[in-house]
PDB file of N, CA and C in Angstrom:
ATOM      1  N   MET A   1      22.444 -65.771 -13.605  1.00  0.00           N
ATOM      2  CA  MET A   1      23.884 -65.114 -14.044  1.00  0.00           C
ATOM      3  C   MET A   1      23.582 -63.735 -14.322  1.00  0.00           C
ATOM      4  N   LYS A   2      22.293 -63.731 -15.122  1.00  0.00           N
ATOM      5  CA  LYS A   2      22.123 -62.327 -15.982  1.00  0.00           C
ATOM      6  C   LYS A   2      22.031 -61.022 -14.681  1.00  0.00           C
ATOM      7  N   ILE A   3      21.150 -61.691 -13.824  1.00  0.00           N
ATOM      8  CA  ILE A   3      20.595 -60.848 -12.349  1.00  0.00           C
ATOM      9  C   ILE A   3      22.027 -60.239 -11.535  1.00  0.00           C
ATOM     10  N   LYS A   4      22.887 -61.056 -11.593  1.00  0.00           N
ATOM     11  CA  LYS A   4      24.107 -60.862 -10.759  1.00  0.00           C
ATOM     12  C   LYS A   4      24.777 -59.667 -11.439  1.00  0.00           C
ATOM     13  N   LEU A   5      24.701 -60.114 -12.998  1.00  0.00           N
ATOM     14  CA  LEU A   5      25.463 -58.875 -13.831  1.00  0.00           C
ATOM     15  C   LEU A   5      25.084 -57.643 -13.980  1.00  0.00           C
ATOM     16  N   ILE A   6      23.726 -57.630 -13.856  1.00  0.00           N
ATOM     17  CA  ILE A   6      22.674 -56.198 -13.890  1.00  0.00           C
ATOM     18  C   ILE A   6      22.929 -55.704 -12.420  1.00  0.00           C
ATOM     19  N   VAL A   7      22.854 -56.584 -11.588  1.00  0.00           N
ATOM     20  CA  VAL A   7      23.163 -55.895 -10.151  1.00  0.00           C
ATOM     21  C   VAL A   7      24.545 -55.384  -9.728  1.00  0.00           C
ATOM     22  N   LEU A   8      25.506 -55.984 -10.367  1.00  0.00           N
ATOM     23  CA  LEU A   8      27.079 -55.558 -10.238  1.00  0.00           C
ATOM     24  C   LEU A   8      27.000 -54.147 -11.095  1.00  0.00           C
ATOM     25  N   LEU A   9      26.457 -54.281 -12.208  1.00  0.00           N
ATOM     26  CA  LEU A   9      26.611 -53.172 -13.195  1.00  0.00           C
ATOM     27  C   LEU A   9      25.744 -51.894 -12.432  1.00  0.00           C
ATOM     28  N   GLY A  10      24.703 -52.136 -11.959  1.00  0.00           N
ATOM     29  CA  GLY A  10      24.015 -51.055 -11.092  1.00  0.00           C
ATOM     30  C   GLY A  10      24.785 -50.541  -9.970  1.00  0.00           C
ATOM     31  N   LEU A  11      25.283 -51.228  -9.364  1.00  0.00           N
ATOM     32  CA  LEU A  11      26.462 -50.878  -8.303  1.00  0.00           C
ATOM     33  C   LEU A  11      27.365 -49.967  -8.815  1.00  0.00           C
ATOM     34  N   VAL A  12      28.357 -50.499  -9.701  1.00  0.00           N
ATOM     35  CA  VAL A  12      29.245 -49.789 -10.576  1.00  0.00           C
ATOM     36  C   VAL A  12      28.754 -48.399 -10.890  1.00  0.00           C
ATOM     37  N   LEU A  13      27.665 -48.347 -11.465  1.00  0.00           N
ATOM     38  CA  LEU A  13      27.135 -47.125 -11.964  1.00  0.00           C
ATOM     39  C   LEU A  13      26.784 -45.997 -10.743  1.00  0.00           C
ATOM     40  N   ALA A  14      26.439 -46.589  -9.628  1.00  0.00           N
ATOM     41  CA  ALA A  14      25.842 -45.874  -8.716  1.00  0.00           C
ATOM     42  C   ALA A  14      26.937 -45.258  -7.813  1.00  0.00           C
ATOM     43  N   PHE A  15      28.181 -46.275  -7.677  1.00  0.00           N
ATOM     44  CA  PHE A  15      29.370 -45.632  -7.121  1.00  0.00           C
ATOM     45  C   PHE A  15      30.128 -44.462  -7.915  1.00  0.00           C
ATOM     46  N   THR A  16      29.767 -44.722  -9.111  1.00  0.00           N
ATOM     47  CA  THR A  16      30.586 -43.944 -10.076  1.00  0.00           C
ATOM     48  C   THR A  16      29.785 -42.284 -10.078  1.00  0.00           C
ATOM     49  N   LEU A  17      28.628 -42.535 -10.221  1.00  0.00           N
ATOM     50  CA  LEU A  17      27.722 -41.355  -9.983  1.00  0.00           C
ATOM     51  C   LEU A  17      27.953 -40.594  -8.886  1.00  0.00           C
ATOM     52  N   TYR A  18      27.821 -41.460  -7.621  1.00  0.00           N
ATOM     53  CA  TYR A  18      28.413 -40.547  -6.391  1.00  0.00           C
ATOM     54  C   TYR A  18      29.563 -40.217  -6.260  1.00  0.00           C
ATOM     55  N   GLY A  19      30.666 -40.821  -6.854  1.00  0.00           N
ATOM     56  CA  GLY A  19      31.860 -40.371  -6.564  1.00  0.00           C
ATOM     57  C   GLY A  19      32.153 -38.918  -7.525  1.00  0.00           C
ATOM     58  N   SER A  20      31.598 -38.949  -8.799  1.00  0.00           N
ATOM     59  CA  SER A  20      31.917 -38.002  -9.687  1.00  0.00           C
ATOM     60  C   SER A  20      30.876 -36.812  -9.032  1.00  0.00           C
ATOM     61  N   ALA A  21      29.700 -36.843  -8.526  1.00  0.00           N
ATOM     62  CA  ALA A  21      28.940 -35.644  -7.916  1.00  0.00           C
ATOM     63  C   ALA A  21      29.828 -35.287  -6.936  1.00  0.00           C
ATOM     64  N   GLY A  22      30.464 -35.838  -5.805  1.00  0.00           N
ATOM     65  CA  GLY A  22      31.141 -35.462  -5.042  1.00  0.00           C
ATOM     66  C   GLY A  22      32.447 -34.616  -5.358  1.00  0.00           C
ATOM     67  N   SER A  23      33.034 -35.148  -6.292  1.00  0.00           N
ATOM     68  CA  SER A  23      34.166 -34.662  -7.108  1.00  0.00           C
ATOM     69  C   SER A  23      33.904 -33.119  -7.654  1.00  0.00           C
ATOM     70  N   ILE A  24      32.762 -32.976  -8.301  1.00  0.00           N
ATOM     71  CA  ILE A  24      32.451 -31.509  -8.832  1.00  0.00           C
ATOM     72  C   ILE A  24      32.370 -30.752  -7.821  1.00  0.00           C
ATOM     73  N   ASN A  25      31.612 -31.170  -6.754  1.00  0.00           N
ATOM     74  CA  ASN A  25      31.302 -29.881  -5.599  1.00  0.00           C
ATOM     75  C   ASN A  25      33.077 -29.589  -5.013  1.00  0.00           C
ATOM     76  N   ARG A  26      33.520 -30.642  -4.863  1.00  0.00           N
ATOM     77  CA  ARG A  26      34.920 -30.511  -4.494  1.00  0.00           C
ATOM     78  C   ARG A  26      35.827 -29.592  -5.140  1.00  0.00           C
ATOM     79  N   ASP A  27      35.679 -29.825  -6.380  1.00  0.00           N
ATOM     80  CA  ASP A  27      36.636 -28.897  -7.592  1.00  0.00           C
ATOM     81  C   ASP A  27      36.241 -27.537  -7.585  1.00  0.00           C
ATOM     82  N   SER A  28      35.062 -27.238  -7.655  1.00  0.00           N
ATOM     83  CA  SER A  28      34.527 -26.070  -7.626  1.00  0.00           C
ATOM     84  C   SER A  28      34.831 -25.079  -6.496  1.00  0.00           C
ATOM     85  N   ALA A  29      34.947 -25.925  -5.370  1.00  0.00           N
ATOM     86  CA  ALA A  29      35.203 -25.183  -4.322  1.00  0.00           C
ATOM     87  C   ALA A  29      36.658 -24.720  -4.160  1.00  0.00           C
ATOM     88  N   ASN A  30      37.449 -25.545  -4.775  1.00  0.00           N
ATOM     89  CA  ASN A  30      38.914 -25.375  -4.799  1.00  0.00           C
ATOM     90  C   ASN A  30      39.504 -24.955  -5.896  1.00  0.00           C
ATOM     91  N   THR A  31      39.031 -24.441  -7.054  1.00  0.00           N
ATOM     92  CA  THR A  31      39.404 -23.802  -8.155  1.00  0.00           C
ATOM     93  C   THR A  31      39.965 -22.337  -7.973  1.00  0.00           C
ATOM     94  N   PRO A  32      41.236 -22.310  -8.416  1.00  0.00           N
ATOM     95  CA  PRO A  32      42.007 -21.014  -8.078  1.00  0.00           C
ATOM     96  C   PRO A  32      41.266 -19.731  -9.408  1.00  0.00           C
ATOM     97  N   VAL A  33      41.533 -18.587  -8.805  1.00  0.00           N
ATOM     98  CA  VAL A  33      41.073 -17.646  -9.692  1.00  0.00           C
ATOM     99  C   VAL A  33      42.172 -17.593 -10.754  1.00  0.00           C
ATOM    100  N   ILE A  34      41.715 -17.633 -12.107  1.00  0.00           N
ATOM    101  CA  ILE A  34      42.714 -17.552 -13.134  1.00  0.00           C
ATOM    102  C   ILE A  34      42.833 -16.127 -13.862  1.00  0.00           C
ATOM    103  N   GLN A  35      43.772 -15.400 -13.925  1.00  0.00           N
ATOM    104  CA  GLN A  35      43.998 -14.129 -14.566  1.00  0.00           C
ATOM    105  C   GLN A  35      43.875 -14.493 -16.079  1.00  0.00           C
ATOM    106  N   SER A  36      43.240 -13.676 -16.614  1.00  0.00           N
ATOM    107  CA  SER A  36      42.887 -13.719 -18.151  1.00  0.00           C
ATOM    108  C   SER A  36      44.155 -12.820 -18.925  1.00  0.00           C
ATOM    109  N   ASN A  37      44.688 -13.323 -19.712  1.00  0.00           N
ATOM    110  CA  ASN A  37      45.593 -12.700 -20.589  1.00  0.00           C
ATOM    111  C   ASN A  37      45.035 -12.785 -22.092  1.00  0.00           C
ATOM    112  N   SER A  38      45.809 -11.913 -23.019  1.00  0.00           N
ATOM    113  CA  SER A  38      45.283 -11.791 -24.343  1.00  0.00           C
ATOM    114  C   SER A  38      45.396 -12.977 -25.084  1.00  0.00           C
ATOM    115  N   SER A  39      46.092 -13.954 -24.844  1.00  0.00           N
ATOM    116  CA  SER A  39      46.184 -15.336 -25.532  1.00  0.00           C
ATOM    117  C   SER A  39      44.818 -16.109 -25.064  1.00  0.00           C
ATOM    118  N   ASP A  40      44.495 -16.094 -23.937  1.00  0.00           N
ATOM    119  CA  ASP A  40      43.141 -16.665 -23.351  1.00  0.00           C
ATOM    120  C   ASP A  40      41.782 -15.874 -24.055  1.00  0.00           C
ATOM    121  N   ASP A  41      42.353 -14.856 -24.111  1.00  0.00           N
ATOM    122  CA  ASP A  41      41.117 -13.840 -24.753  1.00  0.00           C
ATOM    123  C   ASP A  41      40.892 -14.216 -26.176  1.00  0.00           C
ATOM    124  N   ASN A  42      42.003 -14.573 -27.032  1.00  0.00           N
ATOM    125  CA  ASN A  42      42.037 -14.826 -28.250  1.00  0.00           C
ATOM    126  C   ASN A  42      41.509 -16.177 -28.538  1.00  0.00           C
ATOM    127  N   ARG A  43      41.940 -17.091 -27.901  1.00  0.00           N
ATOM    128  CA  ARG A  43      41.257 -18.662 -27.576  1.00  0.00           C
ATOM    129  C   ARG A  43      39.854 -18.506 -27.450  1.00  0.00           C
ATOM    130  N   ARG A  44      39.302 -17.585 -26.491  1.00  0.00           N
ATOM    131  CA  ARG A  44      37.850 -17.664 -26.032  1.00  0.00           C
ATOM    132  C   ARG A  44      37.251 -17.031 -27.400  1.00  0.00           C
ATOM    133  N   ALA A  45      37.647 -15.892 -27.732  1.00  0.00           N
ATOM    134  CA  ALA A  45      37.204 -15.688 -28.882  1.00  0.00           C
ATOM    135  C   ALA A  45      37.144 -16.506 -30.369  1.00  0.00           C
ATOM    136  N   GLU A  46      37.853 -17.061 -30.576  1.00  0.00           N
ATOM    137  CA  GLU A  46      37.925 -18.148 -31.429  1.00  0.00           C
ATOM    138  C   GLU A  46      37.056 -19.466 -31.104  1.00  0.00           C
ATOM    139  N   GLY A  47      37.098 -19.882 -29.939  1.00  0.00           N
ATOM    140  CA  GLY A  47      36.153 -20.985 -29.494  1.00  0.00           C
ATOM    141  C   GLY A  47      34.766 -20.308 -29.642  1.00  0.00           C
ATOM    142  N   GLU A  48      34.181 -19.366 -29.379  1.00  0.00           N
ATOM    143  CA  GLU A  48      33.021 -18.780 -29.426  1.00  0.00           C
ATOM    144  C   GLU A  48      32.664 -18.589 -31.022  1.00  0.00           C
ATOM    145  N   GLN A  49      33.464 -18.271 -31.664  1.00  0.00           N
ATOM    146  CA  GLN A  49      33.277 -18.141 -32.998  1.00  0.00           C
ATOM    147  C   GLN A  49      32.782 -19.754 -33.786  1.00  0.00           C
ATOM    148  N   ARG A  50      33.776 -20.557 -33.296  1.00  0.00           N
ATOM    149  CA  ARG A  50      33.691 -21.766 -33.769  1.00  0.00           C
ATOM    150  C   ARG A  50      32.454 -22.751 -33.177  1.00  0.00           C
ATOM    151  N   PHE A  51      31.986 -22.022 -31.855  1.00  0.00           N
ATOM    152  CA  PHE A  51      30.819 -22.494 -31.231  1.00  0.00           C
ATOM    153  C   PHE A  51      29.525 -22.224 -32.259  1.00  0.00           C
ATOM    154  N   ARG A  52      29.531 -20.757 -32.427  1.00  0.00           N
ATOM    155  CA  ARG A  52      28.286 -20.453 -33.427  1.00  0.00           C
ATOM    156  C   ARG A  52      28.386 -21.052 -34.528  1.00  0.00           C
ATOM    157  N   ALA A  53      29.670 -21.071 -35.507  1.00  0.00           N
ATOM    158  CA  ALA A  53      29.459 -21.975 -36.415  1.00  0.00           C
ATOM    159  C   ALA A  53      29.280 -23.389 -36.679  1.00  0.00           C
ATOM    160  N   ASN A  54      29.677 -24.206 -35.652  1.00  0.00           N
ATOM    161  CA  ASN A  54      29.476 -25.491 -35.500  1.00  0.00           C
ATOM    162  C   ASN A  54      28.254 -26.073 -34.807  1.00  0.00           C
ATOM    163  N   CYS A  55      28.064 -25.139 -33.564  1.00  0.00           N
ATOM    164  CA  CYS A  55      26.875 -25.744 -32.751  1.00  0.00           C
ATOM    165  C   CYS A  55      25.682 -24.746 -32.655  1.00  0.00           C
ATOM    166  N   GLY A  56      25.968 -23.507 -33.221  1.00  0.00           N
ATOM    167  CA  GLY A  56      24.670 -22.558 -33.142  1.00  0.00           C
ATOM    168  C   GLY A  56      23.772 -22.753 -34.100  1.00  0.00           C
ATOM    169  N   ARG A  57      23.816 -23.918 -35.182  1.00  0.00           N
ATOM    170  CA  ARG A  57      23.005 -24.065 -35.784  1.00  0.00           C
ATOM    171  C   ARG A  57      21.704 -25.040 -35.228  1.00  0.00           C
ATOM    172  N   CYS A  58      22.199 -25.624 -33.995  1.00  0.00           N
ATOM    173  CA  CYS A  58      20.994 -26.348 -33.141  1.00  0.00           C
ATOM    174  C   CYS A  58      20.978 -25.776 -31.910  1.00  0.00           C
ATOM    175  N   HIS A  59      21.759 -25.160 -31.181  1.00  0.00           N
ATOM    176  CA  HIS A  59      22.087 -24.755 -29.889  1.00  0.00           C
ATOM    177  C   HIS A  59      21.925 -23.360 -29.659  1.00  0.00           C
ATOM    178  N   ALA A  60      21.288 -22.976 -28.551  1.00  0.00           N
ATOM    179  CA  ALA A  60      21.347 -21.605 -28.162  1.00  0.00           C
ATOM    180  C   ALA A  60      22.545 -21.140 -27.619  1.00  0.00           C
ATOM    181  N   ALA A  61      22.831 -20.083 -26.827  1.00  0.00           N
ATOM    182  CA  ALA A  61      24.041 -19.689 -25.972  1.00  0.00           C
ATOM    183  C   ALA A  61      24.384 -20.717 -25.107  1.00  0.00           C
ATOM    184  N   PRO A  62      25.638 -21.024 -24.693  1.00  0.00           N
ATOM    185  CA  PRO A  62      25.665 -22.066 -23.877  1.00  0.00           C
ATOM    186  C   PRO A  62      25.606 -21.901 -22.533  1.00  0.00           C
ATOM    187  N   HIS A  63      24.819 -22.890 -21.806  1.00  0.00           N
ATOM    188  CA  HIS A  63      24.784 -22.794 -20.344  1.00  0.00           C
ATOM    189  C   HIS A  63      26.094 -23.122 -19.846  1.00  0.00           C
ATOM    190  N   LYS A  64      26.306 -22.817 -18.363  1.00  0.00           N
ATOM    191  CA  LYS A  64      27.787 -23.200 -17.690  1.00  0.00           C
ATOM    192  C   LYS A  64      27.336 -24.592 -17.133  1.00  0.00           C
ATOM    193  N   PHE A  65      28.305 -25.418 -17.393  1.00  0.00           N
ATOM    194  CA  PHE A  65      28.381 -26.467 -16.594  1.00  0.00           C
ATOM    195  C   PHE A  65      29.581 -26.749 -15.958  1.00  0.00           C
ATOM    196  N   PRO A  66      29.856 -27.974 -15.109  1.00  0.00           N
ATOM    197  CA  PRO A  66      31.287 -28.107 -14.729  1.00  0.00           C
ATOM    198  C   PRO A  66      32.206 -28.653 -15.792  1.00  0.00           C
ATOM    199  N   PRO A  67      33.445 -28.115 -15.807  1.00  0.00           N
ATOM    200  CA  PRO A  67      34.159 -28.384 -16.819  1.00  0.00           C
ATOM    201  C   PRO A  67      34.273 -29.976 -17.377  1.00  0.00           C
ATOM    202  N   ARG A  68      34.249 -30.769 -16.188  1.00  0.00           N
ATOM    203  CA  ARG A  68      34.385 -32.328 -16.480  1.00  0.00           C
ATOM    204  C   ARG A  68      33.295 -32.743 -17.358  1.00  0.00           C
ATOM    205  N   MET A  69      31.826 -32.119 -16.850  1.00  0.00           N
ATOM    206  CA  MET A  69      30.734 -32.644 -17.648  1.00  0.00           C
ATOM    207  C   MET A  69      30.581 -31.806 -19.294  1.00  0.00           C
ATOM    208  N   MET A  70      31.225 -30.786 -19.130  1.00  0.00           N
ATOM    209  CA  MET A  70      31.219 -29.972 -20.593  1.00  0.00           C
ATOM    210  C   MET A  70      32.192 -30.759 -21.554  1.00  0.00           C
ATOM    211  N   ALA A  71      33.172 -31.346 -20.904  1.00  0.00           N
ATOM    212  CA  ALA A  71      34.298 -32.165 -21.891  1.00  0.00           C
ATOM    213  C   ALA A  71      33.591 -33.559 -22.249  1.00  0.00           C
ATOM    214  N   THR A  72      32.639 -34.103 -21.580  1.00  0.00           N
ATOM    215  CA  THR A  72      31.792 -35.161 -22.007  1.00  0.00           C
ATOM    216  C   THR A  72      30.832 -34.947 -23.190  1.00  0.00           C
ATOM    217  N   ILE A  73      30.326 -33.594 -22.727  1.00  0.00           N
ATOM    218  CA  ILE A  73      29.050 -33.372 -23.893  1.00  0.00           C
ATOM    219  C   ILE A  73      29.727 -32.917 -25.116  1.00  0.00           C
ATOM    220  N   VAL A  74      30.782 -31.990 -24.981  1.00  0.00           N
ATOM    221  CA  VAL A  74      31.709 -31.705 -26.295  1.00  0.00           C
ATOM    222  C   VAL A  74      31.949 -32.901 -27.052  1.00  0.00           C
ATOM    223  N   ARG A  75      32.690 -34.042 -26.362  1.00  0.00           N
ATOM    224  CA  ARG A  75      33.249 -35.108 -27.115  1.00  0.00           C
ATOM    225  C   ARG A  75      32.134 -35.641 -27.626  1.00  0.00           C
ATOM    226  N   HIS A  76      31.120 -35.887 -27.269  1.00  0.00           N
ATOM    227  CA  HIS A  76      29.612 -36.588 -27.509  1.00  0.00           C
ATOM    228  C   HIS A  76      29.375 -35.909 -28.984  1.00  0.00           C
ATOM    229  N   MET A  77      29.365 -34.681 -28.727  1.00  0.00           N
ATOM    230  CA  MET A  77      28.659 -33.765 -29.942  1.00  0.00           C
ATOM    231  C   MET A  77      29.741 -33.636 -31.072  1.00  0.00           C
ATOM    232  N   ARG A  78      30.921 -33.961 -30.752  1.00  0.00           N
ATOM    233  CA  ARG A  78      31.976 -34.022 -31.710  1.00  0.00           C
ATOM    234  C   ARG A  78      31.663 -34.967 -32.688  1.00  0.00           C
ATOM    235  N   VAL A  79      31.165 -36.190 -32.506  1.00  0.00           N
ATOM    236  CA  VAL A  79      30.977 -37.162 -33.351  1.00  0.00           C
ATOM    237  C   VAL A  79      29.841 -36.992 -34.026  1.00  0.00           C
ATOM    238  N   ARG A  80      28.791 -36.355 -33.406  1.00  0.00           N
ATOM    239  CA  ARG A  80      27.586 -36.129 -33.992  1.00  0.00           C
ATOM    240  C   ARG A  80      27.479 -34.960 -35.028  1.00  0.00           C
ATOM    241  N   ALA A  81      28.396 -33.800 -34.980  1.00  0.00           N
ATOM    242  CA  ALA A  81      28.491 -32.821 -35.705  1.00  0.00           C
ATOM    243  C   ALA A  81      29.540 -32.836 -36.408  1.00  0.00           C
ATOM    244  N   THR A  82      30.594 -33.833 -36.541  1.00  0.00           N
ATOM    245  CA  THR A  82      31.713 -33.853 -37.310  1.00  0.00           C
ATOM    246  C   THR A  82      32.645 -32.742 -37.120  1.00  0.00           C
ATOM    247  N   ILE A  83      32.775 -32.525 -35.661  1.00  0.00           N
ATOM    248  CA  ILE A  83      33.826 -31.232 -35.611  1.00  0.00           C
ATOM    249  C   ILE A  83      35.099 -31.663 -35.430  1.00  0.00           C
ATOM    250  N   THR A  84      36.241 -31.077 -35.953  1.00  0.00           N
ATOM    251  CA  THR A  84      37.607 -31.145 -35.627  1.00  0.00           C
ATOM    252  C   THR A  84      38.166 -31.327 -34.467  1.00  0.00           C
ATOM    253  N   ASP A  85      39.235 -31.782 -34.216  1.00  0.00           N
ATOM    254  CA  ASP A  85      39.750 -32.090 -32.737  1.00  0.00           C
ATOM    255  C   ASP A  85      40.101 -30.523 -32.379  1.00  0.00           C
ATOM    256  N   ASP A  86      40.620 -29.741 -33.218  1.00  0.00           N
ATOM    257  CA  ASP A  86      41.053 -28.442 -32.865  1.00  0.00           C
ATOM    258  C   ASP A  86      39.896 -27.762 -32.469  1.00  0.00           C
ATOM    259  N   ASP A  87      38.955 -27.522 -33.212  1.00  0.00           N
ATOM    260  CA  ASP A  87      37.562 -27.080 -33.124  1.00  0.00           C
ATOM    261  C   ASP A  87      36.983 -27.327 -31.569  1.00  0.00           C
ATOM    262  N   MET A  88      37.090 -28.752 -31.370  1.00  0.00           N
ATOM    263  CA  MET A  88      36.515 -29.144 -30.170  1.00  0.00           C
ATOM    264  C   MET A  88      37.292 -28.552 -28.825  1.00  0.00           C
ATOM    265  N   LYS A  89      38.618 -28.637 -29.153  1.00  0.00           N
ATOM    266  CA  LYS A  89      39.685 -27.996 -27.952  1.00  0.00           C
ATOM    267  C   LYS A  89      39.096 -26.776 -27.699  1.00  0.00           C
ATOM    268  N   LEU A  90      39.083 -25.723 -28.882  1.00  0.00           N
ATOM    269  CA  LEU A  90      38.465 -24.430 -28.631  1.00  0.00           C
ATOM    270  C   LEU A  90      37.230 -24.020 -28.175  1.00  0.00           C
ATOM    271  N   ILE A  91      36.333 -24.988 -28.664  1.00  0.00           N
ATOM    272  CA  ILE A  91      34.898 -24.911 -28.376  1.00  0.00           C
ATOM    273  C   ILE A  91      34.798 -25.171 -26.817  1.00  0.00           C
ATOM    274  N   LEU A  92      35.504 -26.236 -26.170  1.00  0.00           N
ATOM    275  CA  LEU A  92      35.681 -26.652 -24.903  1.00  0.00           C
ATOM    276  C   LEU A  92      36.337 -25.334 -24.073  1.00  0.00           C
ATOM    277  N   PHE A  93      37.376 -25.003 -24.538  1.00  0.00           N
ATOM    278  CA  PHE A  93      37.973 -23.752 -23.876  1.00  0.00           C
ATOM    279  C   PHE A  93      36.891 -22.573 -23.671  1.00  0.00           C
ATOM    280  N   TYR A  94      35.984 -22.095 -24.753  1.00  0.00           N
ATOM    281  CA  TYR A  94      35.179 -21.249 -24.776  1.00  0.00           C
ATOM    282  C   TYR A  94      33.967 -21.591 -23.460  1.00  0.00           C
ATOM    283  N   MET A  95      33.589 -22.635 -23.757  1.00  0.00           N
ATOM    284  CA  MET A  95      32.412 -23.221 -22.790  1.00  0.00           C
ATOM    285  C   MET A  95      32.775 -23.654 -21.185  1.00  0.00           C
ATOM    286  N   THR A  96      34.431 -23.618 -21.102  1.00  0.00           N
ATOM    287  CA  THR A  96      34.700 -23.833 -19.660  1.00  0.00           C
ATOM    288  C   THR A  96      35.130 -22.378 -19.100  1.00  0.00           C
ATOM    289  N   GLN A  97      35.422 -21.528 -19.757  1.00  0.00           N
ATOM    290  CA  GLN A  97      35.732 -20.200 -19.153  1.00  0.00           C
ATOM    291  C   GLN A  97      34.900 -19.139 -18.767  1.00  0.00           C
TER     292      GLN A  97
END
């Protein structure tokens, strides 16, 4: 019974990873060009400031990852660094723009 459960979980994980890898490539090819405005610039600057205050203690300048992956990373780190929900949203905006 345990072997069947392990095999089933392995298959689910493999299909999930396969599906998410394909969607990342397709999403980046179809991403529209977004015109920046002053509101976005303000949010980006605020997100950068909060990144430096909360994340900069342990992490260097951010690498660019796909937005979906970055959202997972930021949610995970929110729990570890006790970041507020507003801070998380601004940091995520900064990291994905």
